[in-house]
Structures are given as structure tokens and as C-alpha cells.
Amino acid sequence: MKVKIGELAKMTGCQVVTIRYYEKEGLLKRPERTERNYRLYGDEDIARLRFIRHCRQHGMSLDEIRTLLVYSDHPTGSCDWINRLIRTHIEAVEQQIRDLEHLKAHLESLYHKCDGSREGGCGILKSLIDGENCQYCQTRQQRTGQEHP
């Protein structure tokens, strides 16, 4: 079966612009072209795009997906390095969870700084204005090296 890019987009739930981007990035192979220069995708392309989308739904980066596609295209002996890639991805997800838990705790502490009345100003706004002394931001900056905005 051969389909044009719009049909491929509908079949996979992927936007046309994203399909073109994946082609540009080398994740999807350059498709055949019709005489009128329309892209034509076959079953292998459809399966590959579904694989890419499935990986993205698991939060994998394009570099991680690229690595998996190399093995998929040229399988060799052991797949231990795929296990390592997934282990590294799990560790990154665990760090994101810890970061989100810290953010949640910080937001909850902000929430409790405001009683809902405007007398004396809003405690949440005061805390957000005084970002220089934000313990959450300082801790995050130390861990990530990102400057405070």
C-alpha cells in the first residue's frame, strides 16, 4: 500500500509538519515521489513512523529513537546497549519525578502564603516577586546550573 503524506498523518495521528521534520532529521527515510512530486509512503514507512511515535509517547528523545532505529535497521548480536539506553532513560524519568515533587512542594508552600484576602497584599505574589531569595530556585540552579530568570 502506498499513501501520500496527508493520509499517513491521518493513519498515525502525526502532523504533516512533524513527518517532514522526522524526514529532515533522518528518522524517516526519504520517501518515493510521484511524477507530480508528492511523497509516497509504504508499509515500512508507516511501521517506522508508528515506532517513532510510540517511542515519543514513552518520553524518548529523538537521539534515543535514532539509536534504537540504528539497531532496528542493522541488528547485531547482543542488545545490552539497548538495555543501558532504557536504564538511562528510566534514571532521567526518575529525576524528572523528583524535580516535579520538589516543584509541587514549593507550589504548596506558596499556596499557604495567601489567605485569600487582599489585606496587606497577596503572599503568593510577594514570594514570586522576591525570586532572588527563592530556596526552590536556588536548589534547582545548583542542581542544573541554570541561572535564575
N, C-alpha and C. Protein backbone atom coordinates (compact mmCIF):
# COMPACT_ATOMS: atom_id res chain seq x y z
N MET A 1 0.84 -1.17 0.00
CA MET A 1 0.00 0.00 0.00
C MET A 1 0.89 1.24 0.00
N LYS A 2 0.56 2.21 -0.79
CA LYS A 2 1.28 3.49 -0.86
C LYS A 2 0.30 4.61 -0.52
N VAL A 3 0.74 5.51 0.37
CA VAL A 3 -0.12 6.63 0.77
C VAL A 3 0.67 7.94 0.68
N LYS A 4 -0.08 9.02 0.49
CA LYS A 4 0.53 10.35 0.49
C LYS A 4 0.67 10.82 1.93
N ILE A 5 1.39 11.91 2.11
CA ILE A 5 1.72 12.39 3.44
C ILE A 5 0.48 12.71 4.29
N GLY A 6 -0.55 13.27 3.69
CA GLY A 6 -1.77 13.58 4.43
C GLY A 6 -2.45 12.33 4.95
N GLU A 7 -2.47 11.29 4.12
CA GLU A 7 -3.07 10.02 4.54
C GLU A 7 -2.23 9.38 5.65
N LEU A 8 -0.91 9.46 5.51
CA LEU A 8 -0.02 8.94 6.54
C LEU A 8 -0.26 9.66 7.86
N ALA A 9 -0.44 10.96 7.79
CA ALA A 9 -0.70 11.75 9.00
C ALA A 9 -1.98 11.28 9.68
N LYS A 10 -3.03 11.09 8.91
CA LYS A 10 -4.30 10.62 9.48
C LYS A 10 -4.17 9.23 10.07
N MET A 11 -3.46 8.35 9.38
CA MET A 11 -3.31 6.96 9.84
C MET A 11 -2.56 6.86 11.15
N THR A 12 -1.61 7.76 11.36
CA THR A 12 -0.72 7.65 12.51
C THR A 12 -0.98 8.69 13.60
N GLY A 13 -1.85 9.66 13.31
CA GLY A 13 -2.10 10.72 14.28
C GLY A 13 -0.93 11.67 14.42
N CYS A 14 -0.12 11.76 13.39
CA CYS A 14 1.08 12.59 13.41
C CYS A 14 0.87 13.75 12.43
N GLN A 15 1.21 14.95 12.83
CA GLN A 15 1.04 16.09 11.95
C GLN A 15 1.99 16.02 10.76
N VAL A 16 1.54 16.55 9.63
CA VAL A 16 2.34 16.57 8.41
C VAL A 16 3.69 17.25 8.66
N VAL A 17 3.68 18.37 9.36
CA VAL A 17 4.92 19.10 9.61
C VAL A 17 5.89 18.24 10.43
N THR A 18 5.37 17.43 11.33
CA THR A 18 6.21 16.55 12.14
C THR A 18 6.80 15.44 11.29
N ILE A 19 6.02 14.90 10.37
CA ILE A 19 6.53 13.87 9.46
C ILE A 19 7.68 14.43 8.64
N ARG A 20 7.49 15.63 8.11
CA ARG A 20 8.57 16.27 7.33
C ARG A 20 9.81 16.50 8.21
N TYR A 21 9.59 16.88 9.45
CA TYR A 21 10.70 17.11 10.38
C TYR A 21 11.45 15.80 10.62
N TYR A 22 10.73 14.72 10.85
CA TYR A 22 11.38 13.42 11.05
C TYR A 22 12.19 13.01 9.82
N GLU A 23 11.69 13.33 8.65
CA GLU A 23 12.45 13.07 7.42
C GLU A 23 13.74 13.88 7.42
N LYS A 24 13.61 15.17 7.71
CA LYS A 24 14.76 16.08 7.72
C LYS A 24 15.81 15.60 8.73
N GLU A 25 15.37 15.08 9.87
CA GLU A 25 16.26 14.61 10.92
C GLU A 25 16.82 13.21 10.64
N GLY A 26 16.34 12.58 9.57
CA GLY A 26 16.84 11.27 9.20
C GLY A 26 16.19 10.11 9.94
N LEU A 27 15.14 10.37 10.70
CA LEU A 27 14.43 9.29 11.39
C LEU A 27 13.57 8.51 10.42
N LEU A 28 12.97 9.21 9.48
CA LEU A 28 12.23 8.57 8.39
C LEU A 28 13.07 8.66 7.13
N LYS A 29 13.07 7.59 6.38
CA LYS A 29 13.82 7.58 5.12
C LYS A 29 13.10 8.47 4.11
N ARG A 30 13.87 9.01 3.18
CA ARG A 30 13.27 9.83 2.13
C ARG A 30 12.31 8.97 1.33
N PRO A 31 11.07 9.44 1.19
CA PRO A 31 10.06 8.62 0.50
C PRO A 31 10.20 8.70 -1.02
N GLU A 32 9.54 7.76 -1.65
CA GLU A 32 9.42 7.83 -3.11
C GLU A 32 8.64 9.10 -3.45
N ARG A 33 8.73 9.50 -4.71
CA ARG A 33 7.98 10.67 -5.17
C ARG A 33 7.18 10.28 -6.41
N THR A 34 6.00 10.90 -6.55
CA THR A 34 5.20 10.69 -7.75
C THR A 34 5.73 11.62 -8.84
N GLU A 35 5.16 11.50 -10.01
CA GLU A 35 5.54 12.39 -11.11
C GLU A 35 5.25 13.85 -10.76
N ARG A 36 4.25 14.06 -9.92
CA ARG A 36 3.90 15.43 -9.50
C ARG A 36 4.62 15.82 -8.22
N ASN A 37 5.60 15.01 -7.83
CA ASN A 37 6.47 15.26 -6.67
C ASN A 37 5.79 15.09 -5.31
N TYR A 38 4.68 14.36 -5.27
CA TYR A 38 4.06 14.04 -3.99
C TYR A 38 4.86 12.93 -3.32
N ARG A 39 4.98 13.01 -2.00
CA ARG A 39 5.65 11.94 -1.26
C ARG A 39 4.73 10.72 -1.22
N LEU A 40 5.33 9.54 -1.36
CA LEU A 40 4.59 8.28 -1.24
C LEU A 40 5.25 7.41 -0.18
N TYR A 41 4.45 6.95 0.76
CA TYR A 41 4.94 6.14 1.86
C TYR A 41 4.36 4.74 1.77
N GLY A 42 5.22 3.76 2.06
CA GLY A 42 4.79 2.37 2.04
C GLY A 42 4.60 1.82 3.45
N ASP A 43 4.31 0.53 3.52
CA ASP A 43 4.06 -0.13 4.80
C ASP A 43 5.24 0.00 5.77
N GLU A 44 6.45 -0.10 5.24
CA GLU A 44 7.64 0.02 6.09
C GLU A 44 7.73 1.42 6.71
N ASP A 45 7.40 2.43 5.92
CA ASP A 45 7.42 3.81 6.43
C ASP A 45 6.35 4.01 7.51
N ILE A 46 5.18 3.42 7.27
CA ILE A 46 4.09 3.52 8.24
C ILE A 46 4.50 2.88 9.56
N ALA A 47 5.09 1.68 9.48
CA ALA A 47 5.54 0.98 10.69
C ALA A 47 6.62 1.78 11.41
N ARG A 48 7.53 2.36 10.65
CA ARG A 48 8.63 3.14 11.25
C ARG A 48 8.09 4.38 11.96
N LEU A 49 7.14 5.07 11.34
CA LEU A 49 6.56 6.26 11.97
C LEU A 49 5.79 5.87 13.23
N ARG A 50 5.08 4.77 13.19
CA ARG A 50 4.37 4.30 14.40
C ARG A 50 5.37 3.97 15.51
N PHE A 51 6.51 3.37 15.15
CA PHE A 51 7.56 3.07 16.12
C PHE A 51 8.06 4.38 16.75
N ILE A 52 8.36 5.37 15.91
CA ILE A 52 8.85 6.66 16.40
C ILE A 52 7.83 7.29 17.34
N ARG A 53 6.57 7.30 16.94
CA ARG A 53 5.52 7.89 17.78
C ARG A 53 5.38 7.14 19.10
N HIS A 54 5.49 5.82 19.05
CA HIS A 54 5.40 5.02 20.27
C HIS A 54 6.54 5.37 21.22
N CYS A 55 7.74 5.50 20.68
CA CYS A 55 8.89 5.90 21.49
C CYS A 55 8.68 7.28 22.09
N ARG A 56 8.16 8.21 21.30
CA ARG A 56 7.91 9.58 21.79
C ARG A 56 6.88 9.56 22.93
N GLN A 57 5.88 8.67 22.81
CA GLN A 57 4.89 8.56 23.88
C GLN A 57 5.51 8.04 25.17
N HIS A 58 6.65 7.38 25.05
CA HIS A 58 7.39 6.92 26.22
C HIS A 58 8.41 7.96 26.68
N GLY A 59 8.34 9.16 26.10
CA GLY A 59 9.19 10.26 26.53
C GLY A 59 10.62 10.19 26.01
N MET A 60 10.86 9.37 25.00
CA MET A 60 12.22 9.24 24.48
C MET A 60 12.57 10.42 23.59
N SER A 61 13.82 10.81 23.65
CA SER A 61 14.32 11.90 22.82
C SER A 61 14.54 11.39 21.39
N LEU A 62 14.69 12.32 20.48
CA LEU A 62 14.96 11.93 19.09
C LEU A 62 16.29 11.21 18.98
N ASP A 63 17.28 11.60 19.79
CA ASP A 63 18.57 10.91 19.77
C ASP A 63 18.43 9.46 20.25
N GLU A 64 17.63 9.25 21.29
CA GLU A 64 17.39 7.89 21.77
C GLU A 64 16.69 7.06 20.70
N ILE A 65 15.71 7.66 20.06
CA ILE A 65 14.97 6.96 19.00
C ILE A 65 15.91 6.65 17.83
N ARG A 66 16.73 7.61 17.48
CA ARG A 66 17.70 7.41 16.39
C ARG A 66 18.58 6.19 16.69
N THR A 67 19.05 6.10 17.93
CA THR A 67 19.89 4.98 18.35
C THR A 67 19.14 3.66 18.22
N LEU A 68 17.89 3.64 18.66
CA LEU A 68 17.08 2.42 18.56
C LEU A 68 16.83 2.04 17.10
N LEU A 69 16.63 3.04 16.26
CA LEU A 69 16.40 2.76 14.84
C LEU A 69 17.63 2.16 14.17
N VAL A 70 18.81 2.60 14.58
CA VAL A 70 20.05 2.04 14.02
C VAL A 70 20.08 0.54 14.28
N TYR A 71 19.78 0.15 15.53
CA TYR A 71 19.78 -1.28 15.86
C TYR A 71 18.67 -2.00 15.11
N SER A 72 17.51 -1.38 15.04
CA SER A 72 16.38 -1.99 14.34
C SER A 72 16.71 -2.22 12.87
N ASP A 73 17.39 -1.25 12.26
CA ASP A 73 17.76 -1.36 10.85
C ASP A 73 18.90 -2.34 10.61
N HIS A 74 19.81 -2.45 11.58
CA HIS A 74 21.01 -3.29 11.44
C HIS A 74 21.25 -4.07 12.73
N PRO A 75 20.39 -5.04 13.03
CA PRO A 75 20.56 -5.78 14.29
C PRO A 75 21.88 -6.55 14.31
N THR A 76 22.54 -6.47 15.44
CA THR A 76 23.79 -7.21 15.63
C THR A 76 23.73 -7.87 16.99
N GLY A 77 24.30 -9.01 17.12
CA GLY A 77 24.44 -9.74 18.38
C GLY A 77 23.61 -9.25 19.55
N SER A 78 24.31 -8.87 20.59
CA SER A 78 23.69 -8.50 21.86
C SER A 78 22.96 -7.16 21.78
N CYS A 79 21.92 -7.08 22.55
CA CYS A 79 21.20 -5.80 22.65
C CYS A 79 21.36 -5.20 24.04
N ASP A 80 22.47 -5.52 24.71
CA ASP A 80 22.73 -4.97 26.04
C ASP A 80 22.72 -3.45 26.04
N TRP A 81 23.22 -2.85 24.97
CA TRP A 81 23.27 -1.39 24.93
C TRP A 81 21.87 -0.79 24.88
N ILE A 82 20.90 -1.54 24.34
CA ILE A 82 19.51 -1.06 24.36
C ILE A 82 19.02 -1.05 25.80
N ASN A 83 19.37 -2.10 26.55
CA ASN A 83 19.01 -2.13 27.97
C ASN A 83 19.63 -0.94 28.71
N ARG A 84 20.89 -0.62 28.39
CA ARG A 84 21.55 0.52 29.03
C ARG A 84 20.85 1.84 28.65
N LEU A 85 20.46 1.95 27.39
CA LEU A 85 19.76 3.15 26.94
C LEU A 85 18.45 3.31 27.71
N ILE A 86 17.71 2.23 27.86
CA ILE A 86 16.44 2.29 28.58
C ILE A 86 16.69 2.57 30.07
N ARG A 87 17.73 1.97 30.64
CA ARG A 87 18.07 2.21 32.05
C ARG A 87 18.39 3.70 32.25
N THR A 88 19.15 4.28 31.33
CA THR A 88 19.48 5.71 31.41
C THR A 88 18.21 6.55 31.30
N HIS A 89 17.30 6.13 30.43
CA HIS A 89 16.04 6.85 30.26
C HIS A 89 15.21 6.77 31.55
N ILE A 90 15.19 5.60 32.17
CA ILE A 90 14.46 5.42 33.43
C ILE A 90 15.04 6.36 34.49
N GLU A 91 16.36 6.44 34.57
CA GLU A 91 17.00 7.32 35.55
C GLU A 91 16.63 8.79 35.30
N ALA A 92 16.55 9.17 34.04
CA ALA A 92 16.16 10.55 33.71
C ALA A 92 14.70 10.80 34.12
N VAL A 93 13.84 9.82 33.90
CA VAL A 93 12.43 9.95 34.30
C VAL A 93 12.33 10.04 35.82
N GLU A 94 13.12 9.23 36.53
CA GLU A 94 13.11 9.28 37.99
C GLU A 94 13.54 10.67 38.48
N GLN A 95 14.52 11.27 37.83
CA GLN A 95 14.96 12.62 38.20
C GLN A 95 13.86 13.63 37.93
N GLN A 96 13.17 13.48 36.80
CA GLN A 96 12.06 14.39 36.49
C GLN A 96 10.97 14.28 37.55
N ILE A 97 10.70 13.06 38.01
CA ILE A 97 9.69 12.86 39.05
C ILE A 97 10.12 13.57 40.33
N ARG A 98 11.39 13.41 40.72
CA ARG A 98 11.89 14.10 41.92
C ARG A 98 11.77 15.62 41.75
N ASP A 99 12.13 16.11 40.57
CA ASP A 99 12.02 17.56 40.31
C ASP A 99 10.58 18.03 40.42
N LEU A 100 9.65 17.25 39.88
CA LEU A 100 8.23 17.63 39.95
C LEU A 100 7.71 17.56 41.38
N GLU A 101 8.19 16.59 42.17
CA GLU A 101 7.78 16.52 43.58
C GLU A 101 8.27 17.76 44.34
N HIS A 102 9.51 18.19 44.06
CA HIS A 102 10.02 19.41 44.70
C HIS A 102 9.22 20.63 44.27
N LEU A 103 8.90 20.70 42.99
CA LEU A 103 8.10 21.82 42.49
C LEU A 103 6.73 21.83 43.15
N LYS A 104 6.11 20.66 43.27
CA LYS A 104 4.79 20.57 43.90
C LYS A 104 4.86 21.06 45.35
N ALA A 105 5.87 20.61 46.09
CA ALA A 105 6.03 21.04 47.48
C ALA A 105 6.21 22.56 47.55
N HIS A 106 6.99 23.11 46.64
CA HIS A 106 7.20 24.56 46.62
C HIS A 106 5.90 25.30 46.32
N LEU A 107 5.15 24.81 45.33
CA LEU A 107 3.88 25.45 44.98
C LEU A 107 2.89 25.36 46.14
N GLU A 108 2.90 24.23 46.86
CA GLU A 108 2.02 24.10 48.02
C GLU A 108 2.41 25.11 49.11
N SER A 109 3.72 25.32 49.29
CA SER A 109 4.14 26.31 50.29
C SER A 109 3.73 27.72 49.85
N LEU A 110 3.80 27.99 48.55
CA LEU A 110 3.32 29.28 48.05
C LEU A 110 1.82 29.43 48.30
N TYR A 111 1.09 28.37 48.04
CA TYR A 111 -0.36 28.39 48.20
C TYR A 111 -0.75 28.78 49.63
N HIS A 112 0.00 28.30 50.60
CA HIS A 112 -0.31 28.57 52.00
C HIS A 112 0.12 29.97 52.45
N LYS A 113 0.77 30.71 51.58
CA LYS A 113 1.19 32.08 51.92
C LYS A 113 0.09 33.10 51.64
N CYS A 114 -1.01 32.64 51.12
CA CYS A 114 -2.10 33.56 50.80
C CYS A 114 -3.38 33.06 51.46
N ASP A 115 -4.04 33.94 52.20
CA ASP A 115 -5.28 33.53 52.87
C ASP A 115 -6.52 33.90 52.05
N GLY A 116 -6.31 34.49 50.89
CA GLY A 116 -7.43 34.83 50.03
C GLY A 116 -7.88 36.27 50.15
N SER A 117 -7.46 36.96 51.20
CA SER A 117 -7.83 38.37 51.32
C SER A 117 -6.72 39.21 50.69
N ARG A 118 -7.05 40.41 50.32
CA ARG A 118 -6.05 41.30 49.70
C ARG A 118 -5.43 42.22 50.75
N GLU A 119 -5.78 42.04 52.01
CA GLU A 119 -5.22 42.91 53.05
C GLU A 119 -3.73 42.67 53.16
N GLY A 120 -2.96 43.70 52.99
CA GLY A 120 -1.51 43.57 53.10
C GLY A 120 -0.87 42.95 51.88
N GLY A 121 -1.63 42.73 50.85
CA GLY A 121 -1.07 42.15 49.62
C GLY A 121 -1.11 40.63 49.63
N CYS A 122 -0.95 40.09 48.51
CA CYS A 122 -1.01 38.63 48.33
C CYS A 122 0.36 38.01 48.64
N GLY A 123 0.36 37.06 49.55
CA GLY A 123 1.60 36.38 49.93
C GLY A 123 2.25 35.63 48.78
N ILE A 124 1.44 35.09 47.89
CA ILE A 124 1.98 34.37 46.73
C ILE A 124 2.74 35.34 45.83
N LEU A 125 2.08 36.47 45.52
CA LEU A 125 2.73 37.45 44.65
C LEU A 125 4.00 38.00 45.28
N LYS A 126 3.97 38.26 46.58
CA LYS A 126 5.17 38.76 47.27
C LYS A 126 6.32 37.76 47.13
N SER A 127 6.01 36.49 47.31
CA SER A 127 7.05 35.45 47.20
C SER A 127 7.59 35.35 45.78
N LEU A 128 6.70 35.46 44.80
CA LEU A 128 7.13 35.36 43.41
C LEU A 128 7.93 36.59 42.98
N ILE A 129 7.57 37.75 43.52
CA ILE A 129 8.32 38.97 43.21
C ILE A 129 9.72 38.89 43.79
N ASP A 130 9.83 38.31 44.98
CA ASP A 130 11.12 38.19 45.66
C ASP A 130 11.81 36.89 45.24
N GLY A 131 11.99 36.71 43.95
CA GLY A 131 12.58 35.48 43.42
C GLY A 131 14.03 35.26 43.80
N GLU A 132 14.74 36.32 44.14
CA GLU A 132 16.16 36.20 44.48
C GLU A 132 16.37 35.30 45.69
N ASN A 133 15.42 35.29 46.62
CA ASN A 133 15.56 34.51 47.84
C ASN A 133 14.76 33.21 47.80
N CYS A 134 14.39 32.77 46.63
CA CYS A 134 13.58 31.56 46.49
C CYS A 134 14.47 30.32 46.69
N GLN A 135 14.21 29.59 47.75
CA GLN A 135 15.01 28.40 48.07
C GLN A 135 14.87 27.34 46.97
N TYR A 136 13.66 27.18 46.45
CA TYR A 136 13.43 26.20 45.38
C TYR A 136 14.30 26.54 44.16
N CYS A 137 14.29 27.81 43.76
CA CYS A 137 15.06 28.23 42.58
C CYS A 137 16.56 28.08 42.81
N GLN A 138 17.02 28.39 44.01
CA GLN A 138 18.44 28.26 44.32
C GLN A 138 18.88 26.80 44.26
N THR A 139 18.07 25.92 44.83
CA THR A 139 18.39 24.49 44.82
C THR A 139 18.40 23.96 43.39
N ARG A 140 17.41 24.38 42.61
CA ARG A 140 17.33 23.93 41.21
C ARG A 140 18.53 24.44 40.41
N GLN A 141 18.91 25.68 40.65
CA GLN A 141 20.06 26.25 39.94
C GLN A 141 21.33 25.48 40.28
N GLN A 142 21.51 25.11 41.54
CA GLN A 142 22.70 24.35 41.94
C GLN A 142 22.72 22.99 41.25
N ARG A 143 21.55 22.36 41.13
CA ARG A 143 21.50 21.03 40.53
C ARG A 143 21.67 21.07 39.02
N THR A 144 21.04 22.06 38.37
CA THR A 144 21.03 22.08 36.90
C THR A 144 22.05 23.03 36.30
N GLY A 145 22.50 24.01 37.09
CA GLY A 145 23.41 25.02 36.55
C GLY A 145 22.70 26.11 35.79
N GLN A 146 21.35 26.06 35.74
CA GLN A 146 20.59 27.08 35.02
C GLN A 146 20.43 28.31 35.90
N GLU A 147 20.67 29.47 35.30
CA GLU A 147 20.54 30.74 36.01
C GLU A 147 19.07 31.01 36.33
N HIS A 148 18.86 31.74 37.40
CA HIS A 148 17.52 32.19 37.77
C HIS A 148 17.07 33.23 36.75
N PRO A 149 15.83 33.14 36.29
CA PRO A 149 15.36 34.12 35.28
C PRO A 149 15.36 35.54 35.78
